[in-house]
Amino acid sequence: MKLDWKEYLQKMVNVTMLENYGMTYDTKSQAPLYEIVFKTGKLIGEYEDGLLLEATREQQQIKIFIPHHSIKCVEIFNV
């Protein structure tokens, strides 16, 4: 199935990445922690090979390109 992403332009999305675990270290338990990796932002572009999000990080506007093959799941808000 192909999704028409144009229908969701300007909507907030939360993308869970296929490579969905990042590792950090918990100093309290002295053990590694695995965190789900996701990207959140406004969907501002859809292309043949991926999605373009816009987000604010550390008081700066950034753009995030996510290739389709890296997407595991997408939550779309305010549909």
PDB file of N, CA and C in Angstrom:
ATOM      1  N   MET A   1       0.844  -1.173   0.000  1.00  0.00           N
ATOM      2  CA  MET A   1       0.000   0.000   0.000  1.00  0.00           C
ATOM      3  C   MET A   1       0.890   1.237   0.000  1.00  0.00           C
ATOM      4  N   LYS A   2       0.522   2.213  -0.780  1.00  0.00           N
ATOM      5  CA  LYS A   2       1.232   3.487  -0.792  1.00  0.00           C
ATOM      6  C   LYS A   2       0.344   4.534  -0.143  1.00  0.00           C
ATOM      7  N   LEU A   3       0.937   5.338   0.712  1.00  0.00           N
ATOM      8  CA  LEU A   3       0.215   6.398   1.407  1.00  0.00           C
ATOM      9  C   LEU A   3       0.447   7.711   0.677  1.00  0.00           C
ATOM     10  N   ASP A   4      -0.613   8.496   0.490  1.00  0.00           N
ATOM     11  CA  ASP A   4      -0.474   9.811  -0.122  1.00  0.00           C
ATOM     12  C   ASP A   4      -0.102  10.803   0.980  1.00  0.00           C
ATOM     13  N   TRP A   5       1.192  11.052   1.143  1.00  0.00           N
ATOM     14  CA  TRP A   5       1.681  11.916   2.214  1.00  0.00           C
ATOM     15  C   TRP A   5       1.234  13.361   2.039  1.00  0.00           C
ATOM     16  N   LYS A   6       0.903  13.771   0.805  1.00  0.00           N
ATOM     17  CA  LYS A   6       0.465  15.155   0.570  1.00  0.00           C
ATOM     18  C   LYS A   6      -0.748  15.505   1.424  1.00  0.00           C
ATOM     19  N   GLU A   7      -1.568  14.507   1.723  1.00  0.00           N
ATOM     20  CA  GLU A   7      -2.760  14.707   2.556  1.00  0.00           C
ATOM     21  C   GLU A   7      -2.387  15.156   3.974  1.00  0.00           C
ATOM     22  N   TYR A   8      -1.156  14.871   4.395  1.00  0.00           N
ATOM     23  CA  TYR A   8      -0.736  15.152   5.769  1.00  0.00           C
ATOM     24  C   TYR A   8       0.313  16.260   5.875  1.00  0.00           C
ATOM     25  N   LEU A   9       0.569  16.969   4.780  1.00  0.00           N
ATOM     26  CA  LEU A   9       1.497  18.098   4.837  1.00  0.00           C
ATOM     27  C   LEU A   9       0.999  19.124   5.845  1.00  0.00           C
ATOM     28  N   GLN A  10       1.917  19.713   6.574  1.00  0.00           N
ATOM     29  CA  GLN A  10       1.675  20.707   7.625  1.00  0.00           C
ATOM     30  C   GLN A  10       1.116  20.102   8.917  1.00  0.00           C
ATOM     31  N   LYS A  11       1.031  18.789   8.992  1.00  0.00           N
ATOM     32  CA  LYS A  11       0.598  18.105  10.222  1.00  0.00           C
ATOM     33  C   LYS A  11       1.832  17.725  11.033  1.00  0.00           C
ATOM     34  N   MET A  12       1.664  17.649  12.349  1.00  0.00           N
ATOM     35  CA  MET A  12       2.735  17.169  13.221  1.00  0.00           C
ATOM     36  C   MET A  12       2.793  15.651  13.125  1.00  0.00           C
ATOM     37  N   VAL A  13       4.003  15.120  13.003  1.00  0.00           N
ATOM     38  CA  VAL A  13       4.190  13.676  12.930  1.00  0.00           C
ATOM     39  C   VAL A  13       5.288  13.249  13.904  1.00  0.00           C
ATOM     40  N   ASN A  14       5.178  12.022  14.334  1.00  0.00           N
ATOM     41  CA  ASN A  14       6.184  11.391  15.178  1.00  0.00           C
ATOM     42  C   ASN A  14       6.614  10.127  14.439  1.00  0.00           C
ATOM     43  N   VAL A  15       7.858  10.087  13.976  1.00  0.00           N
ATOM     44  CA  VAL A  15       8.362   8.979  13.169  1.00  0.00           C
ATOM     45  C   VAL A  15       9.259   8.091  14.030  1.00  0.00           C
ATOM     46  N   THR A  16       8.862   6.831  14.187  1.00  0.00           N
ATOM     47  CA  THR A  16       9.718   5.857  14.854  1.00  0.00           C
ATOM     48  C   THR A  16      10.637   5.280  13.791  1.00  0.00           C
ATOM     49  N   MET A  17      11.922   5.335  14.063  1.00  0.00           N
ATOM     50  CA  MET A  17      12.907   4.895  13.088  1.00  0.00           C
ATOM     51  C   MET A  17      13.035   3.376  13.089  1.00  0.00           C
ATOM     52  N   LEU A  18      13.314   2.807  11.925  1.00  0.00           N
ATOM     53  CA  LEU A  18      13.517   1.371  11.807  1.00  0.00           C
ATOM     54  C   LEU A  18      14.709   0.932  12.655  1.00  0.00           C
ATOM     55  N   GLU A  19      15.772   1.732  12.626  1.00  0.00           N
ATOM     56  CA  GLU A  19      16.918   1.485  13.500  1.00  0.00           C
ATOM     57  C   GLU A  19      16.508   2.083  14.836  1.00  0.00           C
ATOM     58  N   ASN A  20      15.634   1.388  15.556  1.00  0.00           N
ATOM     59  CA  ASN A  20      14.884   2.058  16.612  1.00  0.00           C
ATOM     60  C   ASN A  20      15.497   2.013  18.001  1.00  0.00           C
ATOM     61  N   TYR A  21      16.758   1.692  18.129  1.00  0.00           N
ATOM     62  CA  TYR A  21      17.330   1.717  19.470  1.00  0.00           C
ATOM     63  C   TYR A  21      18.628   2.497  19.495  1.00  0.00           C
ATOM     64  N   GLY A  22      18.686   3.451  20.402  1.00  0.00           N
ATOM     65  CA  GLY A  22      19.923   4.154  20.685  1.00  0.00           C
ATOM     66  C   GLY A  22      20.345   3.724  22.078  1.00  0.00           C
ATOM     67  N   MET A  23      21.611   3.752  22.346  1.00  0.00           N
ATOM     68  CA  MET A  23      22.064   3.273  23.644  1.00  0.00           C
ATOM     69  C   MET A  23      22.623   4.422  24.465  1.00  0.00           C
ATOM     70  N   THR A  24      22.243   4.466  25.724  1.00  0.00           N
ATOM     71  CA  THR A  24      22.826   5.396  26.681  1.00  0.00           C
ATOM     72  C   THR A  24      23.272   4.577  27.878  1.00  0.00           C
ATOM     73  N   TYR A  25      23.939   5.226  28.800  1.00  0.00           N
ATOM     74  CA  TYR A  25      24.452   4.515  29.972  1.00  0.00           C
ATOM     75  C   TYR A  25      23.822   5.104  31.218  1.00  0.00           C
ATOM     76  N   ASP A  26      23.221   4.263  32.037  1.00  0.00           N
ATOM     77  CA  ASP A  26      22.608   4.691  33.293  1.00  0.00           C
ATOM     78  C   ASP A  26      23.650   4.580  34.397  1.00  0.00           C
ATOM     79  N   THR A  27      24.112   5.726  34.890  1.00  0.00           N
ATOM     80  CA  THR A  27      25.155   5.713  35.918  1.00  0.00           C
ATOM     81  C   THR A  27      24.654   5.159  37.242  1.00  0.00           C
ATOM     82  N   LYS A  28      23.367   5.286  37.499  1.00  0.00           N
ATOM     83  CA  LYS A  28      22.804   4.788  38.756  1.00  0.00           C
ATOM     84  C   LYS A  28      22.856   3.257  38.829  1.00  0.00           C
ATOM     85  N   SER A  29      22.411   2.604  37.760  1.00  0.00           N
ATOM     86  CA  SER A  29      22.406   1.138  37.759  1.00  0.00           C
ATOM     87  C   SER A  29      23.672   0.556  37.124  1.00  0.00           C
ATOM     88  N   GLN A  30      24.499   1.432  36.569  1.00  0.00           N
ATOM     89  CA  GLN A  30      25.726   1.039  35.874  1.00  0.00           C
ATOM     90  C   GLN A  30      25.444  -0.007  34.788  1.00  0.00           C
ATOM     91  N   ALA A  31      24.390   0.265  34.033  1.00  0.00           N
ATOM     92  CA  ALA A  31      23.994  -0.648  32.965  1.00  0.00           C
ATOM     93  C   ALA A  31      23.573   0.170  31.746  1.00  0.00           C
ATOM     94  N   PRO A  32      23.732  -0.416  30.567  1.00  0.00           N
ATOM     95  CA  PRO A  32      23.271   0.299  29.371  1.00  0.00           C
ATOM     96  C   PRO A  32      21.743   0.336  29.307  1.00  0.00           C
ATOM     97  N   LEU A  33      21.223   1.428  28.766  1.00  0.00           N
ATOM     98  CA  LEU A  33      19.785   1.577  28.532  1.00  0.00           C
ATOM     99  C   LEU A  33      19.585   1.711  27.031  1.00  0.00           C
ATOM    100  N   TYR A  34      18.531   1.116  26.552  1.00  0.00           N
ATOM    101  CA  TYR A  34      18.205   1.226  25.137  1.00  0.00           C
ATOM    102  C   TYR A  34      16.959   2.081  25.014  1.00  0.00           C
ATOM    103  N   GLU A  35      17.036   3.094  24.175  1.00  0.00           N
ATOM    104  CA  GLU A  35      15.926   4.018  23.997  1.00  0.00           C
ATOM    105  C   GLU A  35      15.411   3.915  22.569  1.00  0.00           C
ATOM    106  N   ILE A  36      14.104   4.062  22.423  1.00  0.00           N
ATOM    107  CA  ILE A  36      13.519   4.100  21.085  1.00  0.00           C
ATOM    108  C   ILE A  36      13.898   5.435  20.439  1.00  0.00           C
ATOM    109  N   VAL A  37      14.350   5.380  19.203  1.00  0.00           N
ATOM    110  CA  VAL A  37      14.756   6.578  18.483  1.00  0.00           C
ATOM    111  C   VAL A  37      13.603   7.014  17.584  1.00  0.00           C
ATOM    112  N   PHE A  38      13.191   8.272  17.743  1.00  0.00           N
ATOM    113  CA  PHE A  38      12.152   8.800  16.872  1.00  0.00           C
ATOM    114  C   PHE A  38      12.426  10.259  16.570  1.00  0.00           C
ATOM    115  N   LYS A  39      11.792  10.746  15.524  1.00  0.00           N
ATOM    116  CA  LYS A  39      11.907  12.137  15.102  1.00  0.00           C
ATOM    117  C   LYS A  39      10.510  12.729  15.099  1.00  0.00           C
ATOM    118  N   THR A  40      10.392  13.951  15.599  1.00  0.00           N
ATOM    119  CA  THR A  40       9.105  14.628  15.663  1.00  0.00           C
ATOM    120  C   THR A  40       9.227  15.988  14.990  1.00  0.00           C
ATOM    121  N   GLY A  41       8.210  16.352  14.222  1.00  0.00           N
ATOM    122  CA  GLY A  41       8.201  17.659  13.584  1.00  0.00           C
ATOM    123  C   GLY A  41       7.000  17.801  12.673  1.00  0.00           C
ATOM    124  N   LYS A  42       6.941  18.945  12.000  1.00  0.00           N
ATOM    125  CA  LYS A  42       5.864  19.207  11.051  1.00  0.00           C
ATOM    126  C   LYS A  42       6.289  18.659   9.693  1.00  0.00           C
ATOM    127  N   LEU A  43       5.422  17.882   9.071  1.00  0.00           N
ATOM    128  CA  LEU A  43       5.706  17.334   7.744  1.00  0.00           C
ATOM    129  C   LEU A  43       5.591  18.462   6.723  1.00  0.00           C
ATOM    130  N   ILE A  44       6.722  18.827   6.117  1.00  0.00           N
ATOM    131  CA  ILE A  44       6.701  19.945   5.168  1.00  0.00           C
ATOM    132  C   ILE A  44       6.999  19.515   3.736  1.00  0.00           C
ATOM    133  N   GLY A  45       7.398  18.265   3.556  1.00  0.00           N
ATOM    134  CA  GLY A  45       7.679  17.798   2.203  1.00  0.00           C
ATOM    135  C   GLY A  45       7.652  16.290   2.119  1.00  0.00           C
ATOM    136  N   GLU A  46       7.215  15.799   0.966  1.00  0.00           N
ATOM    137  CA  GLU A  46       7.255  14.354   0.719  1.00  0.00           C
ATOM    138  C   GLU A  46       7.869  14.157  -0.652  1.00  0.00           C
ATOM    139  N   TYR A  47       8.796  13.217  -0.708  1.00  0.00           N
ATOM    140  CA  TYR A  47       9.557  12.985  -1.922  1.00  0.00           C
ATOM    141  C   TYR A  47       9.544  11.505  -2.256  1.00  0.00           C
ATOM    142  N   GLU A  48       9.984  11.175  -3.430  1.00  0.00           N
ATOM    143  CA  GLU A  48      10.022   9.783  -3.867  1.00  0.00           C
ATOM    144  C   GLU A  48      10.816   8.906  -2.898  1.00  0.00           C
ATOM    145  N   ASP A  49      11.847   9.486  -2.291  1.00  0.00           N
ATOM    146  CA  ASP A  49      12.719   8.683  -1.431  1.00  0.00           C
ATOM    147  C   ASP A  49      12.620   8.987   0.061  1.00  0.00           C
ATOM    148  N   GLY A  50      11.720   9.898   0.482  1.00  0.00           N
ATOM    149  CA  GLY A  50      11.608  10.151   1.916  1.00  0.00           C
ATOM    150  C   GLY A  50      10.721  11.326   2.279  1.00  0.00           C
ATOM    151  N   LEU A  51      10.710  11.634   3.568  1.00  0.00           N
ATOM    152  CA  LEU A  51       9.891  12.708   4.124  1.00  0.00           C
ATOM    153  C   LEU A  51      10.785  13.804   4.689  1.00  0.00           C
ATOM    154  N   LEU A  52      10.322  15.043   4.628  1.00  0.00           N
ATOM    155  CA  LEU A  52      11.053  16.172   5.186  1.00  0.00           C
ATOM    156  C   LEU A  52      10.225  16.772   6.315  1.00  0.00           C
ATOM    157  N   LEU A  53      10.825  16.835   7.508  1.00  0.00           N
ATOM    158  CA  LEU A  53      10.168  17.411   8.677  1.00  0.00           C
ATOM    159  C   LEU A  53      10.854  18.718   9.043  1.00  0.00           C
ATOM    160  N   GLU A  54      10.101  19.584   9.706  1.00  0.00           N
ATOM    161  CA  GLU A  54      10.660  20.816  10.252  1.00  0.00           C
ATOM    162  C   GLU A  54      10.410  20.797  11.750  1.00  0.00           C
ATOM    163  N   ALA A  55      11.425  21.137  12.525  1.00  0.00           N
ATOM    164  CA  ALA A  55      11.306  21.105  13.981  1.00  0.00           C
ATOM    165  C   ALA A  55      12.141  22.238  14.576  1.00  0.00           C
ATOM    166  N   THR A  56      11.923  22.490  15.857  1.00  0.00           N
ATOM    167  CA  THR A  56      12.717  23.467  16.591  1.00  0.00           C
ATOM    168  C   THR A  56      13.560  22.717  17.605  1.00  0.00           C
ATOM    169  N   ARG A  57      14.853  22.950  17.564  1.00  0.00           N
ATOM    170  CA  ARG A  57      15.765  22.326  18.520  1.00  0.00           C
ATOM    171  C   ARG A  57      16.743  23.391  18.993  1.00  0.00           C
ATOM    172  N   GLU A  58      16.846  23.536  20.304  1.00  0.00           N
ATOM    173  CA  GLU A  58      17.743  24.521  20.902  1.00  0.00           C
ATOM    174  C   GLU A  58      17.523  25.898  20.287  1.00  0.00           C
ATOM    175  N   GLN A  59      16.269  26.281  20.167  1.00  0.00           N
ATOM    176  CA  GLN A  59      15.828  27.583  19.663  1.00  0.00           C
ATOM    177  C   GLN A  59      16.242  27.844  18.216  1.00  0.00           C
ATOM    178  N   GLN A  60      16.448  26.778  17.451  1.00  0.00           N
ATOM    179  CA  GLN A  60      16.755  26.914  16.030  1.00  0.00           C
ATOM    180  C   GLN A  60      15.809  26.050  15.217  1.00  0.00           C
ATOM    181  N   GLN A  61      15.384  26.572  14.072  1.00  0.00           N
ATOM    182  CA  GLN A  61      14.573  25.784  13.149  1.00  0.00           C
ATOM    183  C   GLN A  61      15.503  24.837  12.406  1.00  0.00           C
ATOM    184  N   ILE A  62      15.145  23.565  12.375  1.00  0.00           N
ATOM    185  CA  ILE A  62      15.943  22.586  11.641  1.00  0.00           C
ATOM    186  C   ILE A  62      15.034  21.802  10.704  1.00  0.00           C
ATOM    187  N   LYS A  63      15.626  21.240   9.688  1.00  0.00           N
ATOM    188  CA  LYS A  63      14.903  20.358   8.779  1.00  0.00           C
ATOM    189  C   LYS A  63      15.513  18.968   8.899  1.00  0.00           C
ATOM    190  N   ILE A  64      14.654  17.955   8.907  1.00  0.00           N
ATOM    191  CA  ILE A  64      15.084  16.571   9.071  1.00  0.00           C
ATOM    192  C   ILE A  64      14.582  15.775   7.875  1.00  0.00           C
ATOM    193  N   PHE A  65      15.494  15.186   7.118  1.00  0.00           N
ATOM    194  CA  PHE A  65      15.096  14.320   6.011  1.00  0.00           C
ATOM    195  C   PHE A  65      15.175  12.880   6.486  1.00  0.00           C
ATOM    196  N   ILE A  66      14.094  12.128   6.288  1.00  0.00           N
ATOM    197  CA  ILE A  66      14.040  10.730   6.709  1.00  0.00           C
ATOM    198  C   ILE A  66      13.756   9.862   5.482  1.00  0.00           C
ATOM    199  N   PRO A  67      14.719   9.039   5.073  1.00  0.00           N
ATOM    200  CA  PRO A  67      14.480   8.136   3.940  1.00  0.00           C
ATOM    201  C   PRO A  67      13.362   7.139   4.273  1.00  0.00           C
ATOM    202  N   HIS A  68      12.546   6.798   3.292  1.00  0.00           N
ATOM    203  CA  HIS A  68      11.439   5.856   3.522  1.00  0.00           C
ATOM    204  C   HIS A  68      11.918   4.544   4.137  1.00  0.00           C
ATOM    205  N   HIS A  69      13.084   4.046   3.700  1.00  0.00           N
ATOM    206  CA  HIS A  69      13.551   2.752   4.200  1.00  0.00           C
ATOM    207  C   HIS A  69      13.955   2.794   5.678  1.00  0.00           C
ATOM    208  N   SER A  70      14.039   3.997   6.272  1.00  0.00           N
ATOM    209  CA  SER A  70      14.387   4.119   7.696  1.00  0.00           C
ATOM    210  C   SER A  70      13.167   4.255   8.596  1.00  0.00           C
ATOM    211  N   ILE A  71      11.969   4.281   8.011  1.00  0.00           N
ATOM    212  CA  ILE A  71      10.744   4.509   8.787  1.00  0.00           C
ATOM    213  C   ILE A  71      10.125   3.184   9.216  1.00  0.00           C
ATOM    214  N   LYS A  72       9.877   3.063  10.509  1.00  0.00           N
ATOM    215  CA  LYS A  72       9.185   1.885  11.031  1.00  0.00           C
ATOM    216  C   LYS A  72       7.702   2.194  11.228  1.00  0.00           C
ATOM    217  N   CYS A  73       7.393   3.369  11.775  1.00  0.00           N
ATOM    218  CA  CYS A  73       6.015   3.722  12.122  1.00  0.00           C
ATOM    219  C   CYS A  73       5.896   5.241  12.124  1.00  0.00           C
ATOM    220  N   VAL A  74       4.718   5.757  11.741  1.00  0.00           N
ATOM    221  CA  VAL A  74       4.474   7.201  11.772  1.00  0.00           C
ATOM    222  C   VAL A  74       3.159   7.473  12.486  1.00  0.00           C
ATOM    223  N   GLU A  75       3.223   8.345  13.489  1.00  0.00           N
ATOM    224  CA  GLU A  75       2.006   8.834  14.144  1.00  0.00           C
ATOM    225  C   GLU A  75       1.725  10.209  13.561  1.00  0.00           C
ATOM    226  N   ILE A  76       0.474  10.453  13.171  1.00  0.00           N
ATOM    227  CA  ILE A  76       0.076  11.723  12.570  1.00  0.00           C
ATOM    228  C   ILE A  76      -0.925  12.373  13.515  1.00  0.00           C
ATOM    229  N   PHE A  77      -0.637  13.599  13.946  1.00  0.00           N
ATOM    230  CA  PHE A  77      -1.475  14.285  14.922  1.00  0.00           C
ATOM    231  C   PHE A  77      -2.459  15.245  14.255  1.00  0.00           C
ATOM    232  N   ASN A  78      -3.581  15.482  14.929  1.00  0.00           N
ATOM    233  CA  ASN A  78      -4.607  16.445  14.497  1.00  0.00           C
ATOM    234  C   ASN A  78      -5.120  16.170  13.093  1.00  0.00           C
ATOM    235  N   VAL A  79      -5.437  14.911  12.833  1.00  0.00           N
ATOM    236  CA  VAL A  79      -5.942  14.519  11.512  1.00  0.00           C
ATOM    237  C   VAL A  79      -7.420  14.834  11.439  1.00  0.00           C
TER     238      VAL A  79
END
